[in-house]
Amino acid sequence: MTTESVFTGLKVLDASSFIAGPAAATVLSDFGADVIKIEPPGKGDPQRRLSSVPPSPRAEANYSWHLANRNKRGMVLDLKSPAATEVLKRLVQWADVVITNFPHGTREKLHLGYEEVSGWNPRVVYADITGFGDAGPDAGLPGFDLTAAWSRSGLLASTRDAGAPPTVPVWGSGDYMSAIAIYAAIVTALYRRERTGQGASVGTSLLAAGVWATGTLVAGALAGGTPFELHDRKAPANPLINPYRTADDEWFMLVASPPHWPGLTRAIGHPELLEDPRFTGIEGFVKNSAALTELLDAEFRSRPFAHWKDALTRERVTYSLIQTPEDAAQDPQLRANDIVVPLAGVSGLEYTINSPVTVRGVEKVPAKRAPDLGEHNDGILAELGFGPADIAELRAQGAIPGPTQAQAPQ
């Protein structure tokens, strides 16, 4: 790398799979870290195949793989092979950061437990992600973002309308949310290491990230608060925070508060509502929610979104068009703020999504494709001090695959 960045020189061993752990490593790579990803032989990280699993959008390019694994070097290593332990040891000694999501018990069998890893490298920052945390009766359960981050946390039960059953949320969203938590833990530990010289074991769980995202409601429950019923669009708890439909069948989310009420009455052409005793203060809005929602429904359905965009913007009332993912992908605001960035090296995939961490004045590493399976095996092994005869012996013992197996297409 020719351009110095925040983490230029930082070495990361990504021994994780699926999304949360690998995506945390990707954020580090965005700022210049050298990331080596190890995968099992055969088909590698299951994330390689998730782009083809419904309800993922159908596309020729393996977009989800490149999103969570760009800018990495790739290596295939069979951690179940006794011969792989020396390779793993040298990788850990090379690394500043080790990331894993193997379950407790399994990681120890694969020589990836913290005690063994920190014994090889006392300065290492060891970061792990679990489904449900390290303790408690369910610590050993497998966790995915839809189960641990969404279902168990209270988030999914709260994200639906009254009378509607739970639905399937955007899968992967809990993983990417958790990835930022792991990244934050790693950066915190690296800062601590700069001050003390000591390594650390850090981590999070999908459950912890999900509960943090549901924090307002869970904290309210901890305070003994009385919850409102599930959202009813025609009689919401607060009609000023509600989706509305326009004459051209667009939906937008209105997010207003009592101070916005005068401007909202002007925007809809009914300033006389300021004198209506039913709609005085938040208690009035709640008590007469159905009546106000019916009135707002009728007004917003009478004109197209372009009209309301102008009227609400003029009165500084907060709102947003409810976009589909396809709309968002073409939104110029994303490109203006480098939320969508070019991706190099992938046929049929010119752009990807940037990580949400920005250090102003510091450019991120340009995004380039994720590695093919085992693409960098020989180069990494040579870098770790293994000669040609050593590499041949590792192949003979099954620790690494043969050249044709390692270079199998994605």
Protein backbone atom coordinates (compact mmCIF):
# COMPACT_ATOMS: atom_id res chain seq x y z
CA MET A 1 0.00 0.00 0.00
CA THR A 2 1.41 3.35 -1.02
CA THR A 3 -1.00 5.64 0.81
CA GLU A 4 -0.73 5.92 4.57
CA SER A 5 -4.05 5.53 6.33
CA VAL A 6 -5.21 5.26 9.93
CA PHE A 7 -4.45 1.54 10.21
CA THR A 8 -1.60 1.19 7.74
CA GLY A 9 0.69 -1.48 9.23
CA LEU A 10 -2.05 -3.02 11.39
CA LYS A 11 -2.32 -6.77 10.80
CA VAL A 12 -5.64 -8.56 11.17
CA LEU A 13 -6.42 -12.27 11.10
CA ASP A 14 -10.05 -12.76 10.13
CA ALA A 15 -10.94 -16.25 11.35
CA SER A 16 -14.68 -15.59 11.25
CA SER A 17 -17.52 -16.44 8.89
CA PHE A 18 -20.85 -15.13 7.67
CA ILE A 19 -21.22 -11.36 8.16
CA ALA A 20 -20.63 -9.69 11.53
CA GLY A 21 -16.99 -10.66 12.15
CA PRO A 22 -15.86 -10.37 8.53
CA ALA A 23 -17.59 -6.99 8.14
CA ALA A 24 -15.76 -5.66 11.22
CA ALA A 25 -12.49 -6.72 9.57
CA THR A 26 -13.61 -4.96 6.40
CA VAL A 27 -14.02 -1.66 8.27
CA LEU A 28 -10.43 -2.04 9.50
CA SER A 29 -9.31 -2.77 5.94
CA ASP A 30 -11.08 0.37 4.71
CA PHE A 31 -8.58 2.33 6.79
CA GLY A 32 -5.53 0.45 5.57
CA ALA A 33 -5.26 -2.66 7.75
CA ASP A 34 -3.72 -5.75 6.15
CA VAL A 35 -6.39 -8.42 6.61
CA ILE A 36 -5.83 -12.12 6.01
CA LYS A 37 -9.04 -14.13 5.91
CA ILE A 38 -8.82 -17.86 6.56
CA GLU A 39 -11.52 -20.22 5.31
CA PRO A 40 -12.12 -23.96 5.59
CA PRO A 41 -11.42 -26.20 2.61
CA GLY A 42 -14.21 -27.17 0.25
CA LYS A 43 -16.66 -24.32 -0.23
CA GLY A 44 -15.08 -21.86 2.19
CA ASP A 45 -17.02 -19.32 4.21
CA PRO A 46 -20.79 -19.92 3.80
CA GLN A 47 -21.12 -16.19 3.15
CA ARG A 48 -19.79 -16.91 -0.36
CA ARG A 49 -23.13 -18.55 -1.15
CA LEU A 50 -25.60 -16.25 0.60
CA SER A 51 -26.20 -14.07 -2.46
CA SER A 52 -28.05 -17.02 -3.99
CA VAL A 53 -30.26 -17.72 -0.94
CA PRO A 54 -33.82 -16.25 -1.06
CA PRO A 55 -34.85 -13.59 -0.25
CA SER A 56 -31.52 -12.14 -1.41
CA PRO A 57 -31.92 -10.22 -4.69
CA ARG A 58 -30.97 -12.32 -7.71
CA ALA A 59 -27.82 -11.09 -9.43
CA GLU A 60 -24.93 -12.54 -11.39
CA ALA A 61 -22.30 -10.92 -9.16
CA ASN A 62 -21.68 -12.18 -5.63
CA TYR A 63 -22.40 -8.77 -4.13
CA SER A 64 -22.80 -9.88 -0.49
CA TRP A 65 -19.42 -11.62 -0.48
CA HIS A 66 -17.62 -8.54 -1.75
CA LEU A 67 -19.54 -6.26 0.64
CA ALA A 68 -18.31 -8.09 3.75
CA ASN A 69 -14.88 -9.22 2.52
CA ARG A 70 -13.39 -6.62 0.20
CA ASN A 71 -9.75 -5.57 0.47
CA LYS A 72 -8.61 -8.82 2.11
CA ARG A 73 -6.11 -11.52 1.29
CA GLY A 74 -7.59 -15.00 1.29
CA MET A 75 -6.23 -18.28 2.58
CA VAL A 76 -7.66 -21.81 2.92
CA LEU A 77 -6.56 -23.60 6.09
CA ASP A 78 -8.06 -26.75 7.57
CA LEU A 79 -7.92 -25.99 11.28
CA LYS A 80 -9.00 -29.57 12.04
CA SER A 81 -5.68 -30.83 10.65
CA PRO A 82 -2.90 -31.13 13.28
CA ALA A 83 -0.46 -29.81 10.70
CA ALA A 84 -2.42 -26.54 10.50
CA THR A 85 -1.66 -25.59 14.10
CA GLU A 86 1.84 -24.30 13.32
CA VAL A 87 0.45 -22.20 10.47
CA LEU A 88 -2.21 -20.78 12.74
CA LYS A 89 0.36 -20.05 15.44
CA ARG A 90 2.50 -18.06 13.01
CA LEU A 91 -0.58 -16.18 11.75
CA VAL A 92 -1.49 -15.25 15.32
CA GLN A 93 2.08 -14.14 16.03
CA TRP A 94 1.96 -12.03 12.86
CA ALA A 95 -1.35 -10.42 13.80
CA ASP A 96 -2.29 -7.44 15.91
CA VAL A 97 -5.97 -8.42 15.87
CA VAL A 98 -7.66 -11.83 15.68
CA ILE A 99 -11.39 -12.03 14.96
CA THR A 100 -13.44 -15.21 15.36
CA ASN A 101 -17.05 -16.31 15.73
CA PHE A 102 -16.50 -20.02 16.36
CA PRO A 103 -18.64 -21.18 19.30
CA HIS A 104 -17.01 -21.67 22.68
CA GLY A 105 -15.70 -25.21 22.84
CA THR A 106 -15.23 -25.42 19.09
CA ARG A 107 -12.75 -22.56 19.05
CA GLU A 108 -10.66 -24.24 21.74
CA LYS A 109 -10.60 -27.51 19.77
CA LEU A 110 -9.36 -25.54 16.74
CA HIS A 111 -6.64 -23.78 18.81
CA LEU A 112 -8.51 -20.47 18.52
CA GLY A 113 -9.41 -20.04 22.19
CA TYR A 114 -8.22 -16.86 23.84
CA GLU A 115 -5.89 -18.56 26.31
CA GLU A 116 -3.94 -20.33 23.59
CA VAL A 117 -3.98 -17.40 21.18
CA SER A 118 -2.81 -14.90 23.81
CA GLY A 119 -0.13 -17.37 24.87
CA TRP A 120 1.27 -17.22 21.35
CA ASN A 121 0.91 -13.42 21.18
CA PRO A 122 0.32 -11.57 24.49
CA ARG A 123 -0.19 -8.22 22.69
CA VAL A 124 -2.95 -9.52 20.46
CA VAL A 125 -6.41 -7.96 20.50
CA TYR A 126 -8.73 -10.95 20.40
CA ALA A 127 -12.27 -10.11 19.25
CA ASP A 128 -15.17 -12.49 19.15
CA ILE A 129 -18.86 -12.44 18.28
CA THR A 130 -21.43 -14.82 19.74
CA GLY A 131 -25.16 -15.16 19.33
CA PHE A 132 -26.25 -14.83 22.93
CA GLY A 133 -23.18 -13.88 24.96
CA ASP A 134 -20.59 -15.80 26.97
CA ALA A 135 -22.74 -16.75 29.96
CA GLY A 136 -26.26 -17.84 30.84
CA PRO A 137 -28.33 -20.87 29.87
CA ASP A 138 -28.35 -20.06 26.16
CA ALA A 139 -24.71 -19.10 25.70
CA GLY A 140 -24.10 -22.22 23.63
CA LEU A 141 -26.98 -21.74 21.23
CA PRO A 142 -26.19 -20.91 17.61
CA GLY A 143 -27.27 -17.38 16.80
CA PHE A 144 -28.14 -15.60 13.60
CA ASP A 145 -29.14 -11.99 13.25
CA LEU A 146 -32.82 -12.86 12.63
CA THR A 147 -32.98 -14.97 15.80
CA ALA A 148 -30.62 -13.31 18.26
CA ALA A 149 -30.49 -9.66 17.17
CA TRP A 150 -34.07 -9.35 15.97
CA SER A 151 -36.30 -11.96 17.57
CA ARG A 152 -34.83 -12.36 21.05
CA SER A 153 -34.18 -8.66 21.64
CA GLY A 154 -37.76 -7.40 21.33
CA LEU A 155 -36.96 -5.55 18.12
CA LEU A 156 -38.95 -7.78 15.77
CA ALA A 157 -42.05 -7.94 17.98
CA SER A 158 -42.12 -4.14 18.05
CA THR A 159 -41.55 -3.62 14.33
CA ARG A 160 -45.00 -4.44 13.00
CA ASP A 161 -48.50 -3.02 12.92
CA ALA A 162 -51.32 -3.95 15.28
CA GLY A 163 -53.05 -7.14 14.17
CA ALA A 164 -50.21 -8.14 11.87
CA PRO A 165 -48.05 -11.19 12.57
CA PRO A 166 -44.29 -10.85 12.86
CA THR A 167 -42.58 -10.64 9.51
CA VAL A 168 -39.08 -11.38 8.19
CA PRO A 169 -36.90 -8.27 8.60
CA VAL A 170 -33.97 -7.30 6.42
CA TRP A 171 -31.66 -10.23 7.08
CA GLY A 172 -28.06 -9.27 7.63
CA SER A 173 -29.04 -5.95 9.20
CA GLY A 174 -28.40 -7.25 12.71
CA ASP A 175 -25.03 -8.60 11.56
CA TYR A 176 -23.89 -5.29 10.09
CA MET A 177 -25.08 -3.47 13.21
CA SER A 178 -23.08 -5.92 15.33
CA ALA A 179 -20.04 -5.50 13.06
CA ILE A 180 -19.76 -1.86 14.07
CA ALA A 181 -19.92 -2.92 17.74
CA ILE A 182 -17.04 -5.38 17.22
CA TYR A 183 -15.08 -2.73 15.32
CA ALA A 184 -15.61 -0.29 18.20
CA ALA A 185 -14.44 -2.89 20.72
CA ILE A 186 -11.31 -3.59 18.67
CA VAL A 187 -10.44 0.09 18.30
CA THR A 188 -11.01 0.63 22.04
CA ALA A 189 -8.65 -2.24 22.85
CA LEU A 190 -6.04 -0.97 20.40
CA TYR A 191 -6.15 2.43 22.08
CA ARG A 192 -5.73 0.73 25.46
CA ARG A 193 -2.79 -1.26 24.08
CA GLU A 194 -1.12 1.95 22.94
CA ARG A 195 -1.31 3.22 26.53
CA THR A 196 -0.50 0.00 28.42
CA GLY A 197 1.18 -2.35 25.94
CA GLN A 198 -1.32 -5.04 26.89
CA GLY A 199 -3.47 -7.14 24.61
CA ALA A 200 -7.12 -7.79 25.39
CA SER A 201 -10.10 -10.04 24.78
CA VAL A 202 -13.09 -8.06 23.51
CA GLY A 203 -16.37 -8.89 21.90
CA THR A 204 -20.10 -8.54 21.65
CA SER A 205 -23.13 -10.64 20.84
CA LEU A 206 -25.91 -10.34 18.32
CA LEU A 207 -28.31 -10.24 21.26
CA ALA A 208 -26.48 -7.31 22.88
CA ALA A 209 -26.50 -5.35 19.63
CA GLY A 210 -30.21 -6.10 19.10
CA VAL A 211 -31.13 -4.98 22.61
CA TRP A 212 -29.04 -1.81 22.14
CA ALA A 213 -31.01 -1.09 18.95
CA THR A 214 -34.28 -1.67 20.87
CA GLY A 215 -32.87 0.38 23.72
CA THR A 216 -35.69 2.94 24.06
CA LEU A 217 -38.31 0.21 24.51
CA VAL A 218 -36.25 -2.16 26.66
CA ALA A 219 -35.08 0.71 28.87
CA GLY A 220 -38.72 1.76 29.22
CA ALA A 221 -39.60 -1.76 30.31
CA LEU A 222 -36.78 -1.70 32.86
CA ALA A 223 -38.28 1.53 34.21
CA GLY A 224 -41.67 -0.15 34.60
CA GLY A 225 -43.11 1.94 31.81
CA THR A 226 -46.52 1.22 30.31
CA PRO A 227 -46.06 0.39 26.62
CA PHE A 228 -48.36 1.66 23.92
CA GLU A 229 -50.13 -0.90 21.78
CA LEU A 230 -48.53 -1.98 18.53
CA HIS A 231 -48.63 0.68 15.86
CA ASP A 232 -52.01 1.20 14.19
CA ARG A 233 -51.56 3.45 11.20
CA LYS A 234 -55.15 4.74 11.35
CA ALA A 235 -55.00 5.45 15.08
CA PRO A 236 -51.31 5.64 16.01
CA ALA A 237 -49.98 6.51 19.44
CA ASN A 238 -48.85 9.77 17.88
CA PRO A 239 -50.39 10.82 14.51
CA LEU A 240 -47.52 13.24 13.92
CA ILE A 241 -45.17 10.23 13.68
CA ASN A 242 -46.81 8.07 11.05
CA PRO A 243 -46.54 7.06 7.38
CA TYR A 244 -48.91 8.75 4.94
CA ARG A 245 -49.79 8.12 1.30
CA THR A 246 -49.88 10.73 -1.46
CA ALA A 247 -52.04 11.12 -4.57
CA ASP A 248 -49.39 9.48 -6.76
CA ASP A 249 -49.17 6.44 -4.44
CA GLU A 250 -45.92 7.41 -2.80
CA TRP A 251 -45.52 6.82 0.92
CA PHE A 252 -43.61 9.15 3.19
CA MET A 253 -42.81 9.11 6.91
CA LEU A 254 -43.90 12.16 8.87
CA VAL A 255 -41.81 12.75 12.00
CA ALA A 256 -43.11 15.91 13.64
CA SER A 257 -43.39 17.10 17.22
CA PRO A 258 -45.73 19.64 18.88
CA PRO A 259 -43.46 22.60 17.98
CA HIS A 260 -43.89 21.58 14.30
CA TRP A 261 -47.70 21.66 14.57
CA PRO A 262 -48.19 25.30 13.44
CA GLY A 263 -46.01 24.71 10.38
CA LEU A 264 -47.82 21.45 9.60
CA THR A 265 -51.21 23.16 9.71
CA ARG A 266 -49.95 25.76 7.24
CA ALA A 267 -48.41 23.09 4.98
CA ILE A 268 -51.73 21.24 4.67
CA GLY A 269 -53.66 24.49 4.22
CA HIS A 270 -55.61 24.34 7.49
CA PRO A 271 -54.13 26.93 9.87
CA GLU A 272 -57.51 27.03 11.66
CA LEU A 273 -56.60 23.68 13.27
CA LEU A 274 -54.41 25.65 15.66
CA GLU A 275 -57.64 26.78 17.32
CA ASP A 276 -59.16 23.29 17.45
CA PRO A 277 -59.25 22.28 21.16
CA ARG A 278 -58.90 18.60 20.24
CA PHE A 279 -55.32 19.10 19.06
CA THR A 280 -53.74 21.04 21.88
CA GLY A 281 -50.44 19.55 22.97
CA ILE A 282 -49.27 15.97 22.89
CA GLU A 283 -52.11 14.72 25.11
CA GLY A 284 -54.64 16.07 22.64
CA PHE A 285 -52.86 14.44 19.71
CA VAL A 286 -52.87 11.08 21.52
CA LYS A 287 -56.49 11.28 22.70
CA ASN A 288 -57.80 12.33 19.28
CA SER A 289 -55.32 10.35 17.22
CA ALA A 290 -57.86 8.64 14.93
CA ALA A 291 -59.57 11.92 14.03
CA LEU A 292 -56.32 13.73 13.25
CA THR A 293 -54.96 10.78 11.29
CA GLU A 294 -58.14 10.66 9.18
CA LEU A 295 -57.81 14.37 8.47
CA LEU A 296 -54.12 14.12 7.55
CA ASP A 297 -54.80 11.04 5.41
CA ALA A 298 -57.38 12.91 3.36
CA GLU A 299 -55.14 15.93 2.86
CA PHE A 300 -51.99 14.00 1.93
CA ARG A 301 -53.96 11.78 -0.49
CA SER A 302 -55.22 14.86 -2.31
CA ARG A 303 -51.91 15.91 -3.88
CA PRO A 304 -48.73 14.24 -5.23
CA PHE A 305 -45.55 13.83 -3.25
CA ALA A 306 -43.79 16.65 -5.10
CA HIS A 307 -46.33 19.09 -3.67
CA TRP A 308 -45.85 17.83 -0.13
CA LYS A 309 -42.10 17.83 -0.51
CA ASP A 310 -42.20 21.55 -1.24
CA ALA A 311 -44.82 22.37 1.38
CA LEU A 312 -43.26 20.41 4.24
CA THR A 313 -39.74 21.57 3.39
CA ARG A 314 -40.90 25.19 3.31
CA GLU A 315 -42.38 24.84 6.80
CA ARG A 316 -39.36 22.89 8.07
CA VAL A 317 -41.48 19.89 9.01
CA THR A 318 -39.42 16.68 9.12
CA TYR A 319 -40.40 13.92 6.69
CA SER A 320 -38.83 11.41 4.31
CA LEU A 321 -39.94 9.57 1.23
CA ILE A 322 -40.10 5.85 2.00
CA GLN A 323 -37.70 4.44 -0.56
CA THR A 324 -37.23 0.87 -1.72
CA PRO A 325 -33.69 -0.56 -1.68
CA GLU A 326 -33.70 -0.04 -5.45
CA ASP A 327 -34.60 3.63 -4.94
CA ALA A 328 -31.88 3.99 -2.32
CA ALA A 329 -29.28 2.45 -4.65
CA GLN A 330 -29.92 5.29 -7.12
CA ASP A 331 -30.26 8.08 -4.57
CA PRO A 332 -27.71 10.80 -5.46
CA GLN A 333 -27.30 11.62 -1.77
CA LEU A 334 -25.52 8.28 -1.30
CA ARG A 335 -22.90 9.03 -3.94
CA ALA A 336 -22.47 12.62 -2.83
CA ASN A 337 -21.47 11.35 0.62
CA ASP A 338 -19.49 8.27 -0.51
CA ILE A 339 -22.05 5.90 1.01
CA VAL A 340 -21.94 4.10 -2.33
CA VAL A 341 -18.42 3.75 -3.73
CA PRO A 342 -16.78 2.14 -6.77
CA LEU A 343 -15.65 -1.47 -6.46
CA ALA A 344 -12.71 -2.66 -8.57
CA GLY A 345 -12.20 -6.09 -10.05
CA VAL A 346 -15.69 -7.62 -10.18
CA SER A 347 -17.47 -8.22 -13.46
CA GLY A 348 -21.03 -6.93 -13.31
CA LEU A 349 -20.55 -5.16 -9.97
CA GLU A 350 -19.24 -1.62 -10.30
CA TYR A 351 -20.28 -0.30 -6.88
CA THR A 352 -20.56 -1.44 -3.29
CA ILE A 353 -21.59 0.09 0.04
CA ASN A 354 -19.04 1.96 2.12
CA SER A 355 -18.66 1.36 5.84
CA PRO A 356 -20.37 4.08 7.91
CA VAL A 357 -17.22 5.21 9.75
CA THR A 358 -15.64 8.43 8.48
CA VAL A 359 -12.47 10.21 9.59
CA ARG A 360 -12.66 13.58 7.90
CA GLY A 361 -9.52 14.45 5.99
CA VAL A 362 -8.50 10.77 5.75
CA GLU A 363 -9.29 8.89 2.59
CA LYS A 364 -10.28 5.26 2.82
CA VAL A 365 -8.58 2.56 0.80
CA PRO A 366 -10.34 2.19 -2.57
CA ALA A 367 -12.61 -0.85 -2.49
CA LYS A 368 -11.37 -3.84 -4.45
CA ARG A 369 -12.84 -7.30 -4.81
CA ALA A 370 -12.86 -9.92 -2.08
CA PRO A 371 -10.40 -12.81 -2.53
CA ASP A 372 -11.07 -16.00 -4.42
CA LEU A 373 -11.00 -19.10 -2.27
CA GLY A 374 -7.41 -19.63 -1.10
CA GLU A 375 -6.14 -17.08 -3.60
CA HIS A 376 -3.12 -16.01 -1.54
CA ASN A 377 -2.19 -19.28 0.16
CA ASP A 378 1.36 -19.70 -1.12
CA GLY A 379 2.30 -16.04 -0.79
CA ILE A 380 1.09 -15.83 2.81
CA LEU A 381 2.81 -19.08 3.77
CA ALA A 382 6.09 -17.83 2.28
CA GLU A 383 5.65 -14.57 4.17
CA LEU A 384 5.26 -16.59 7.38
CA GLY A 385 8.55 -18.38 6.72
CA PHE A 386 7.36 -21.63 5.14
CA GLY A 387 9.60 -22.80 2.28
CA PRO A 388 8.50 -24.78 -0.80
CA ALA A 389 9.20 -28.11 0.91
CA ASP A 390 7.21 -27.01 3.98
CA ILE A 391 4.28 -25.98 1.82
CA ALA A 392 4.36 -29.29 -0.02
CA GLU A 393 4.32 -31.12 3.31
CA LEU A 394 1.38 -29.05 4.53
CA ARG A 395 -0.49 -30.09 1.39
CA ALA A 396 0.44 -33.72 1.88
CA GLN A 397 -0.91 -33.61 5.44
CA GLY A 398 -4.16 -31.92 4.38
CA ALA A 399 -3.61 -28.62 6.20
CA ILE A 400 -4.00 -26.69 2.93
CA PRO A 401 -5.54 -27.74 -0.38
CA GLY A 402 -3.75 -28.25 -3.65
CA PRO A 403 -3.31 -25.30 -6.02
CA THR A 404 -6.31 -26.15 -8.20
CA GLN A 405 -8.58 -26.61 -5.19
CA ALA A 406 -7.45 -23.37 -3.60
CA GLN A 407 -8.11 -21.37 -6.73
CA ALA A 408 -11.62 -22.73 -7.26
CA PRO A 409 -13.99 -20.01 -8.48
CA GLN A 410 -16.27 -18.20 -6.05
